[in-house]
Amino acid sequence: MRTNEFRAQLAASTKPSAGLARSPENEIFVAYSQLSAHGIVFTRVHLRRLIAAGIFPPAVQISPNRLGWRLSDLAAWKASRPMARMAVAEAT
């Protein structure tokens, strides 16, 4: 099998179903290493502080040695963040 054929087959088999509604049975989990792809760039220590303060959603234990966050919890957290524009310094 050629590389392009393999990639096409892999992409077709891993595409999420558009009609599949999210529920607890088919929730998507995000590992710490994937948080930056979702716009969350905190260190593990800072995340623990935010979770302890109740500011960030707690992680869910996926398996005995694996933690992750529900994508729906992360989306709700990001939607709850205040939007503020950065002040632009005037050039002199």
PDB file of N, CA and C in Angstrom:
ATOM      1  N   MET A   1       0.851  -1.174   0.000  1.00  0.00           N
ATOM      2  CA  MET A   1       0.000   0.000   0.000  1.00  0.00           C
ATOM      3  C   MET A   1       0.895   1.235   0.000  1.00  0.00           C
ATOM      4  N   ARG A   2       0.589   2.160  -0.823  1.00  0.00           N
ATOM      5  CA  ARG A   2       1.344   3.404  -0.917  1.00  0.00           C
ATOM      6  C   ARG A   2       1.024   4.302   0.280  1.00  0.00           C
ATOM      7  N   THR A   3       1.943   5.224   0.556  1.00  0.00           N
ATOM      8  CA  THR A   3       1.789   6.115   1.699  1.00  0.00           C
ATOM      9  C   THR A   3       0.535   6.969   1.579  1.00  0.00           C
ATOM     10  N   ASN A   4       0.276   7.536   0.421  1.00  0.00           N
ATOM     11  CA  ASN A   4      -0.906   8.390   0.246  1.00  0.00           C
ATOM     12  C   ASN A   4      -2.195   7.603   0.423  1.00  0.00           C
ATOM     13  N   GLU A   5      -2.209   6.364  -0.072  1.00  0.00           N
ATOM     14  CA  GLU A   5      -3.403   5.526   0.105  1.00  0.00           C
ATOM     15  C   GLU A   5      -3.628   5.218   1.580  1.00  0.00           C
ATOM     16  N   PHE A   6      -2.528   4.941   2.290  1.00  0.00           N
ATOM     17  CA  PHE A   6      -2.626   4.652   3.719  1.00  0.00           C
ATOM     18  C   PHE A   6      -3.154   5.861   4.487  1.00  0.00           C
ATOM     19  N   ARG A   7      -2.633   7.036   4.184  1.00  0.00           N
ATOM     20  CA  ARG A   7      -3.095   8.253   4.859  1.00  0.00           C
ATOM     21  C   ARG A   7      -4.567   8.520   4.586  1.00  0.00           C
ATOM     22  N   ALA A   8      -4.994   8.316   3.355  1.00  0.00           N
ATOM     23  CA  ALA A   8      -6.406   8.519   3.011  1.00  0.00           C
ATOM     24  C   ALA A   8      -7.288   7.531   3.760  1.00  0.00           C
ATOM     25  N   GLN A   9      -6.849   6.281   3.841  1.00  0.00           N
ATOM     26  CA  GLN A   9      -7.625   5.268   4.547  1.00  0.00           C
ATOM     27  C   GLN A   9      -7.672   5.569   6.043  1.00  0.00           C
ATOM     28  N   LEU A  10      -6.552   5.999   6.594  1.00  0.00           N
ATOM     29  CA  LEU A  10      -6.495   6.349   8.010  1.00  0.00           C
ATOM     30  C   LEU A  10      -7.389   7.544   8.316  1.00  0.00           C
ATOM     31  N   ALA A  11      -7.363   8.560   7.463  1.00  0.00           N
ATOM     32  CA  ALA A  11      -8.206   9.747   7.674  1.00  0.00           C
ATOM     33  C   ALA A  11      -9.681   9.387   7.597  1.00  0.00           C
ATOM     34  N   ALA A  12     -10.035   8.505   6.674  1.00  0.00           N
ATOM     35  CA  ALA A  12     -11.438   8.106   6.534  1.00  0.00           C
ATOM     36  C   ALA A  12     -11.904   7.291   7.732  1.00  0.00           C
ATOM     37  N   SER A  13     -11.019   6.493   8.311  1.00  0.00           N
ATOM     38  CA  SER A  13     -11.426   5.638   9.424  1.00  0.00           C
ATOM     39  C   SER A  13     -11.437   6.378  10.756  1.00  0.00           C
ATOM     40  N   THR A  14     -10.717   7.500  10.866  1.00  0.00           N
ATOM     41  CA  THR A  14     -10.657   8.217  12.137  1.00  0.00           C
ATOM     42  C   THR A  14     -11.492   9.488  12.154  1.00  0.00           C
ATOM     43  N   LYS A  15     -12.221   9.784  11.092  1.00  0.00           N
ATOM     44  CA  LYS A  15     -13.067  10.977  11.080  1.00  0.00           C
ATOM     45  C   LYS A  15     -14.193  10.824  12.093  1.00  0.00           C
ATOM     46  N   PRO A  16     -14.419  11.842  12.920  1.00  0.00           N
ATOM     47  CA  PRO A  16     -15.541  11.755  13.845  1.00  0.00           C
ATOM     48  C   PRO A  16     -16.850  11.850  13.079  1.00  0.00           C
ATOM     49  N   SER A  17     -17.803  11.127  13.557  1.00  0.00           N
ATOM     50  CA  SER A  17     -19.112  11.135  12.911  1.00  0.00           C
ATOM     51  C   SER A  17     -19.802  12.470  13.173  1.00  0.00           C
ATOM     52  N   ALA A  18     -20.247  13.116  12.118  1.00  0.00           N
ATOM     53  CA  ALA A  18     -20.874  14.437  12.255  1.00  0.00           C
ATOM     54  C   ALA A  18     -22.207  14.345  12.980  1.00  0.00           C
ATOM     55  N   GLY A  19     -22.918  13.244  12.827  1.00  0.00           N
ATOM     56  CA  GLY A  19     -24.231  13.104  13.435  1.00  0.00           C
ATOM     57  C   GLY A  19     -24.196  12.553  14.842  1.00  0.00           C
ATOM     58  N   LEU A  20     -23.020  12.257  15.364  1.00  0.00           N
ATOM     59  CA  LEU A  20     -22.904  11.652  16.676  1.00  0.00           C
ATOM     60  C   LEU A  20     -22.994  12.726  17.749  1.00  0.00           C
ATOM     61  N   ALA A  21     -24.015  12.657  18.563  1.00  0.00           N
ATOM     62  CA  ALA A  21     -24.190  13.632  19.642  1.00  0.00           C
ATOM     63  C   ALA A  21     -23.290  13.257  20.809  1.00  0.00           C
ATOM     64  N   ARG A  22     -22.781  14.254  21.510  1.00  0.00           N
ATOM     65  CA  ARG A  22     -21.930  13.975  22.660  1.00  0.00           C
ATOM     66  C   ARG A  22     -22.792  13.567  23.838  1.00  0.00           C
ATOM     67  N   SER A  23     -22.367  12.524  24.497  1.00  0.00           N
ATOM     68  CA  SER A  23     -23.019  12.050  25.705  1.00  0.00           C
ATOM     69  C   SER A  23     -21.931  11.451  26.592  1.00  0.00           C
ATOM     70  N   PRO A  24     -22.254  11.103  27.832  1.00  0.00           N
ATOM     71  CA  PRO A  24     -21.223  10.507  28.688  1.00  0.00           C
ATOM     72  C   PRO A  24     -20.603   9.241  28.099  1.00  0.00           C
ATOM     73  N   GLU A  25     -21.342   8.548  27.259  1.00  0.00           N
ATOM     74  CA  GLU A  25     -20.818   7.319  26.666  1.00  0.00           C
ATOM     75  C   GLU A  25     -19.797   7.585  25.570  1.00  0.00           C
ATOM     76  N   ASN A  26     -19.884   8.721  24.883  1.00  0.00           N
ATOM     77  CA  ASN A  26     -18.961   8.993  23.775  1.00  0.00           C
ATOM     78  C   ASN A  26     -18.250  10.340  23.940  1.00  0.00           C
ATOM     79  N   GLU A  27     -17.959  10.702  25.175  1.00  0.00           N
ATOM     80  CA  GLU A  27     -17.261  11.958  25.471  1.00  0.00           C
ATOM     81  C   GLU A  27     -15.821  11.879  24.974  1.00  0.00           C
ATOM     82  N   ILE A  28     -15.290  13.001  24.532  1.00  0.00           N
ATOM     83  CA  ILE A  28     -13.907  13.092  24.090  1.00  0.00           C
ATOM     84  C   ILE A  28     -13.073  13.614  25.254  1.00  0.00           C
ATOM     85  N   PHE A  29     -11.947  12.937  25.513  1.00  0.00           N
ATOM     86  CA  PHE A  29     -11.062  13.336  26.593  1.00  0.00           C
ATOM     87  C   PHE A  29      -9.784  13.933  26.018  1.00  0.00           C
ATOM     88  N   VAL A  30      -9.220  14.911  26.729  1.00  0.00           N
ATOM     89  CA  VAL A  30      -8.015  15.605  26.296  1.00  0.00           C
ATOM     90  C   VAL A  30      -6.946  15.388  27.358  1.00  0.00           C
ATOM     91  N   ALA A  31      -5.799  14.852  26.950  1.00  0.00           N
ATOM     92  CA  ALA A  31      -4.677  14.645  27.865  1.00  0.00           C
ATOM     93  C   ALA A  31      -3.934  15.962  28.072  1.00  0.00           C
ATOM     94  N   TYR A  32      -3.074  15.996  29.084  1.00  0.00           N
ATOM     95  CA  TYR A  32      -2.317  17.217  29.367  1.00  0.00           C
ATOM     96  C   TYR A  32      -1.500  17.648  28.158  1.00  0.00           C
ATOM     97  N   SER A  33      -0.897  16.695  27.483  1.00  0.00           N
ATOM     98  CA  SER A  33      -0.053  17.023  26.326  1.00  0.00           C
ATOM     99  C   SER A  33      -0.852  17.621  25.174  1.00  0.00           C
ATOM    100  N   GLN A  34      -2.169  17.439  25.166  1.00  0.00           N
ATOM    101  CA  GLN A  34      -3.017  17.969  24.101  1.00  0.00           C
ATOM    102  C   GLN A  34      -3.678  19.290  24.466  1.00  0.00           C
ATOM    103  N   LEU A  35      -3.508  19.744  25.698  1.00  0.00           N
ATOM    104  CA  LEU A  35      -4.166  20.983  26.127  1.00  0.00           C
ATOM    105  C   LEU A  35      -3.696  22.186  25.322  1.00  0.00           C
ATOM    106  N   SER A  36      -2.433  22.234  24.959  1.00  0.00           N
ATOM    107  CA  SER A  36      -1.931  23.390  24.206  1.00  0.00           C
ATOM    108  C   SER A  36      -2.605  23.499  22.842  1.00  0.00           C
ATOM    109  N   ALA A  37      -2.997  22.385  22.246  1.00  0.00           N
ATOM    110  CA  ALA A  37      -3.711  22.419  20.969  1.00  0.00           C
ATOM    111  C   ALA A  37      -5.102  23.021  21.125  1.00  0.00           C
ATOM    112  N   HIS A  38      -5.602  23.051  22.357  1.00  0.00           N
ATOM    113  CA  HIS A  38      -6.915  23.634  22.638  1.00  0.00           C
ATOM    114  C   HIS A  38      -6.794  25.023  23.252  1.00  0.00           C
ATOM    115  N   GLY A  39      -5.595  25.605  23.202  1.00  0.00           N
ATOM    116  CA  GLY A  39      -5.400  26.974  23.668  1.00  0.00           C
ATOM    117  C   GLY A  39      -5.149  27.115  25.151  1.00  0.00           C
ATOM    118  N   ILE A  40      -4.852  26.025  25.850  1.00  0.00           N
ATOM    119  CA  ILE A  40      -4.602  26.072  27.285  1.00  0.00           C
ATOM    120  C   ILE A  40      -3.125  25.747  27.493  1.00  0.00           C
ATOM    121  N   VAL A  41      -2.351  26.738  27.902  1.00  0.00           N
ATOM    122  CA  VAL A  41      -0.903  26.579  27.980  1.00  0.00           C
ATOM    123  C   VAL A  41      -0.382  26.782  29.402  1.00  0.00           C
ATOM    124  N   PHE A  42      -1.034  26.183  30.372  1.00  0.00           N
ATOM    125  CA  PHE A  42      -0.609  26.265  31.763  1.00  0.00           C
ATOM    126  C   PHE A  42       0.310  25.094  32.090  1.00  0.00           C
ATOM    127  N   THR A  43       1.195  25.300  33.063  1.00  0.00           N
ATOM    128  CA  THR A  43       2.021  24.197  33.548  1.00  0.00           C
ATOM    129  C   THR A  43       1.158  23.283  34.419  1.00  0.00           C
ATOM    130  N   ARG A  44       1.668  22.089  34.684  1.00  0.00           N
ATOM    131  CA  ARG A  44       0.928  21.145  35.533  1.00  0.00           C
ATOM    132  C   ARG A  44       0.724  21.721  36.939  1.00  0.00           C
ATOM    133  N   VAL A  45       1.741  22.395  37.461  1.00  0.00           N
ATOM    134  CA  VAL A  45       1.652  22.969  38.805  1.00  0.00           C
ATOM    135  C   VAL A  45       0.568  24.047  38.841  1.00  0.00           C
ATOM    136  N   HIS A  46       0.550  24.911  37.835  1.00  0.00           N
ATOM    137  CA  HIS A  46      -0.453  25.980  37.808  1.00  0.00           C
ATOM    138  C   HIS A  46      -1.858  25.399  37.628  1.00  0.00           C
ATOM    139  N   LEU A  47      -1.986  24.352  36.810  1.00  0.00           N
ATOM    140  CA  LEU A  47      -3.291  23.708  36.660  1.00  0.00           C
ATOM    141  C   LEU A  47      -3.776  23.146  37.991  1.00  0.00           C
ATOM    142  N   ARG A  48      -2.881  22.531  38.747  1.00  0.00           N
ATOM    143  CA  ARG A  48      -3.277  21.997  40.058  1.00  0.00           C
ATOM    144  C   ARG A  48      -3.753  23.109  40.975  1.00  0.00           C
ATOM    145  N   ARG A  49      -3.085  24.271  40.918  1.00  0.00           N
ATOM    146  CA  ARG A  49      -3.515  25.412  41.736  1.00  0.00           C
ATOM    147  C   ARG A  49      -4.906  25.889  41.320  1.00  0.00           C
ATOM    148  N   LEU A  50      -5.121  25.991  40.010  1.00  0.00           N
ATOM    149  CA  LEU A  50      -6.425  26.440  39.524  1.00  0.00           C
ATOM    150  C   LEU A  50      -7.528  25.456  39.886  1.00  0.00           C
ATOM    151  N   ILE A  51      -7.237  24.157  39.782  1.00  0.00           N
ATOM    152  CA  ILE A  51      -8.224  23.131  40.135  1.00  0.00           C
ATOM    153  C   ILE A  51      -8.528  23.197  41.626  1.00  0.00           C
ATOM    154  N   ALA A  52      -7.488  23.349  42.458  1.00  0.00           N
ATOM    155  CA  ALA A  52      -7.691  23.436  43.912  1.00  0.00           C
ATOM    156  C   ALA A  52      -8.510  24.662  44.280  1.00  0.00           C
ATOM    157  N   ALA A  53      -8.349  25.747  43.515  1.00  0.00           N
ATOM    158  CA  ALA A  53      -9.107  26.972  43.788  1.00  0.00           C
ATOM    159  C   ALA A  53     -10.516  26.910  43.190  1.00  0.00           C
ATOM    160  N   GLY A  54     -10.801  25.884  42.407  1.00  0.00           N
ATOM    161  CA  GLY A  54     -12.122  25.751  41.801  1.00  0.00           C
ATOM    162  C   GLY A  54     -12.300  26.588  40.548  1.00  0.00           C
ATOM    163  N   ILE A  55     -11.199  27.044  39.961  1.00  0.00           N
ATOM    164  CA  ILE A  55     -11.259  27.908  38.784  1.00  0.00           C
ATOM    165  C   ILE A  55     -11.228  27.106  37.493  1.00  0.00           C
ATOM    166  N   PHE A  56     -10.554  25.952  37.504  1.00  0.00           N
ATOM    167  CA  PHE A  56     -10.396  25.117  36.306  1.00  0.00           C
ATOM    168  C   PHE A  56     -11.086  23.789  36.552  1.00  0.00           C
ATOM    169  N   PRO A  57     -11.688  23.174  35.524  1.00  0.00           N
ATOM    170  CA  PRO A  57     -12.380  21.900  35.750  1.00  0.00           C
ATOM    171  C   PRO A  57     -11.398  20.800  36.146  1.00  0.00           C
ATOM    172  N   PRO A  58     -11.782  19.942  37.085  1.00  0.00           N
ATOM    173  CA  PRO A  58     -10.875  18.876  37.507  1.00  0.00           C
ATOM    174  C   PRO A  58     -10.709  17.810  36.425  1.00  0.00           C
ATOM    175  N   ALA A  59      -9.565  17.151  36.461  1.00  0.00           N
ATOM    176  CA  ALA A  59      -9.293  16.067  35.517  1.00  0.00           C
ATOM    177  C   ALA A  59     -10.080  14.827  35.925  1.00  0.00           C
ATOM    178  N   VAL A  60     -10.301  13.961  34.959  1.00  0.00           N
ATOM    179  CA  VAL A  60     -11.013  12.706  35.172  1.00  0.00           C
ATOM    180  C   VAL A  60     -10.005  11.577  34.994  1.00  0.00           C
ATOM    181  N   GLN A  61     -10.064  10.587  35.867  1.00  0.00           N
ATOM    182  CA  GLN A  61      -9.157   9.457  35.728  1.00  0.00           C
ATOM    183  C   GLN A  61      -9.704   8.523  34.654  1.00  0.00           C
ATOM    184  N   ILE A  62      -8.964   8.410  33.541  1.00  0.00           N
ATOM    185  CA  ILE A  62      -9.388   7.599  32.404  1.00  0.00           C
ATOM    186  C   ILE A  62      -8.999   6.139  32.611  1.00  0.00           C
ATOM    187  N   SER A  63      -7.809   5.921  33.140  1.00  0.00           N
ATOM    188  CA  SER A  63      -7.319   4.585  33.468  1.00  0.00           C
ATOM    189  C   SER A  63      -6.448   4.728  34.705  1.00  0.00           C
ATOM    190  N   PRO A  64      -5.896   3.639  35.244  1.00  0.00           N
ATOM    191  CA  PRO A  64      -5.144   3.767  36.497  1.00  0.00           C
ATOM    192  C   PRO A  64      -4.011   4.796  36.461  1.00  0.00           C
ATOM    193  N   ASN A  65      -3.369   4.998  35.330  1.00  0.00           N
ATOM    194  CA  ASN A  65      -2.251   5.941  35.260  1.00  0.00           C
ATOM    195  C   ASN A  65      -2.485   7.065  34.270  1.00  0.00           C
ATOM    196  N   ARG A  66      -3.718   7.370  33.948  1.00  0.00           N
ATOM    197  CA  ARG A  66      -4.000   8.363  32.903  1.00  0.00           C
ATOM    198  C   ARG A  66      -5.106   9.304  33.351  1.00  0.00           C
ATOM    199  N   LEU A  67      -4.833  10.606  33.245  1.00  0.00           N
ATOM    200  CA  LEU A  67      -5.826  11.631  33.540  1.00  0.00           C
ATOM    201  C   LEU A  67      -6.148  12.391  32.267  1.00  0.00           C
ATOM    202  N   GLY A  68      -7.339  12.924  32.201  1.00  0.00           N
ATOM    203  CA  GLY A  68      -7.725  13.731  31.057  1.00  0.00           C
ATOM    204  C   GLY A  68      -8.882  14.637  31.427  1.00  0.00           C
ATOM    205  N   TRP A  69      -9.146  15.594  30.581  1.00  0.00           N
ATOM    206  CA  TRP A  69     -10.249  16.525  30.796  1.00  0.00           C
ATOM    207  C   TRP A  69     -11.298  16.289  29.729  1.00  0.00           C
ATOM    208  N   ARG A  70     -12.554  16.409  30.113  1.00  0.00           N
ATOM    209  CA  ARG A  70     -13.635  16.307  29.130  1.00  0.00           C
ATOM    210  C   ARG A  70     -13.581  17.533  28.227  1.00  0.00           C
ATOM    211  N   LEU A  71     -13.710  17.306  26.931  1.00  0.00           N
ATOM    212  CA  LEU A  71     -13.674  18.403  25.977  1.00  0.00           C
ATOM    213  C   LEU A  71     -14.822  19.374  26.246  1.00  0.00           C
ATOM    214  N   SER A  72     -15.965  18.857  26.654  1.00  0.00           N
ATOM    215  CA  SER A  72     -17.104  19.732  26.949  1.00  0.00           C
ATOM    216  C   SER A  72     -16.825  20.616  28.168  1.00  0.00           C
ATOM    217  N   ASP A  73     -16.118  20.088  29.175  1.00  0.00           N
ATOM    218  CA  ASP A  73     -15.753  20.896  30.348  1.00  0.00           C
ATOM    219  C   ASP A  73     -14.779  22.003  29.961  1.00  0.00           C
ATOM    220  N   LEU A  74     -13.808  21.670  29.096  1.00  0.00           N
ATOM    221  CA  LEU A  74     -12.842  22.686  28.649  1.00  0.00           C
ATOM    222  C   LEU A  74     -13.527  23.771  27.828  1.00  0.00           C
ATOM    223  N   ALA A  75     -14.464  23.380  26.974  1.00  0.00           N
ATOM    224  CA  ALA A  75     -15.187  24.363  26.164  1.00  0.00           C
ATOM    225  C   ALA A  75     -16.016  25.285  27.054  1.00  0.00           C
ATOM    226  N   ALA A  76     -16.658  24.726  28.063  1.00  0.00           N
ATOM    227  CA  ALA A  76     -17.447  25.545  28.985  1.00  0.00           C
ATOM    228  C   ALA A  76     -16.548  26.490  29.782  1.00  0.00           C
ATOM    229  N   TRP A  77     -15.376  25.998  30.196  1.00  0.00           N
ATOM    230  CA  TRP A  77     -14.441  26.847  30.936  1.00  0.00           C
ATOM    231  C   TRP A  77     -13.954  27.987  30.057  1.00  0.00           C
ATOM    232  N   LYS A  78     -13.589  27.690  28.805  1.00  0.00           N
ATOM    233  CA  LYS A  78     -13.110  28.745  27.904  1.00  0.00           C
ATOM    234  C   LYS A  78     -14.212  29.758  27.617  1.00  0.00           C
ATOM    235  N   ALA A  79     -15.443  29.315  27.511  1.00  0.00           N
ATOM    236  CA  ALA A  79     -16.553  30.232  27.260  1.00  0.00           C
ATOM    237  C   ALA A  79     -16.815  31.138  28.467  1.00  0.00           C
ATOM    238  N   SER A  80     -16.447  30.672  29.660  1.00  0.00           N
ATOM    239  CA  SER A  80     -16.694  31.468  30.865  1.00  0.00           C
ATOM    240  C   SER A  80     -15.602  32.503  31.125  1.00  0.00           C
ATOM    241  N   ARG A  81     -14.506  32.439  30.393  1.00  0.00           N
ATOM    242  CA  ARG A  81     -13.404  33.377  30.605  1.00  0.00           C
ATOM    243  C   ARG A  81     -13.779  34.754  30.077  1.00  0.00           C
ATOM    244  N   PRO A  82     -13.415  35.815  30.803  1.00  0.00           N
ATOM    245  CA  PRO A  82     -13.720  37.169  30.327  1.00  0.00           C
ATOM    246  C   PRO A  82     -12.855  37.524  29.119  1.00  0.00           C
ATOM    247  N   MET A  83     -13.418  38.278  28.228  1.00  0.00           N
ATOM    248  CA  MET A  83     -12.697  38.742  27.039  1.00  0.00           C
ATOM    249  C   MET A  83     -12.233  40.158  27.287  1.00  0.00           C
ATOM    250  N   ALA A  84     -10.949  40.411  27.114  1.00  0.00           N
ATOM    251  CA  ALA A  84     -10.399  41.762  27.258  1.00  0.00           C
ATOM    252  C   ALA A  84      -9.349  41.988  26.193  1.00  0.00           C
ATOM    253  N   ARG A  85      -9.343  43.157  25.640  1.00  0.00           N
ATOM    254  CA  ARG A  85      -8.358  43.477  24.612  1.00  0.00           C
ATOM    255  C   ARG A  85      -7.079  43.960  25.287  1.00  0.00           C
ATOM    256  N   MET A  86      -5.955  43.641  24.680  1.00  0.00           N
ATOM    257  CA  MET A  86      -4.665  44.093  25.179  1.00  0.00           C
ATOM    258  C   MET A  86      -4.482  45.563  24.792  1.00  0.00           C
ATOM    259  N   ALA A  87      -3.965  46.339  25.712  1.00  0.00           N
ATOM    260  CA  ALA A  87      -3.684  47.745  25.430  1.00  0.00           C
ATOM    261  C   ALA A  87      -2.423  47.826  24.564  1.00  0.00           C
ATOM    262  N   VAL A  88      -2.497  48.578  23.483  1.00  0.00           N
ATOM    263  CA  VAL A  88      -1.367  48.723  22.595  1.00  0.00           C
ATOM    264  C   VAL A  88      -0.596  49.960  23.005  1.00  0.00           C
ATOM    265  N   ALA A  89       0.714  49.772  23.229  1.00  0.00           N
ATOM    266  CA  ALA A  89       1.552  50.907  23.624  1.00  0.00           C
ATOM    267  C   ALA A  89       1.767  51.811  22.422  1.00  0.00           C
ATOM    268  N   GLU A  90       1.678  53.110  22.637  1.00  0.00           N
ATOM    269  CA  GLU A  90       1.879  54.056  21.542  1.00  0.00           C
ATOM    270  C   GLU A  90       3.356  54.177  21.210  1.00  0.00           C
ATOM    271  N   ALA A  91       3.659  54.174  19.930  1.00  0.00           N
ATOM    272  CA  ALA A  91       5.055  54.340  19.501  1.00  0.00           C
ATOM    273  C   ALA A  91       5.397  55.830  19.539  1.00  0.00           C
ATOM    274  N   THR A  92       6.532  56.151  20.120  1.00  0.00           N
ATOM    275  CA  THR A  92       6.924  57.563  20.197  1.00  0.00           C
ATOM    276  C   THR A  92       8.066  57.864  19.296  1.00  0.00           C
TER     277      THR A  92
END
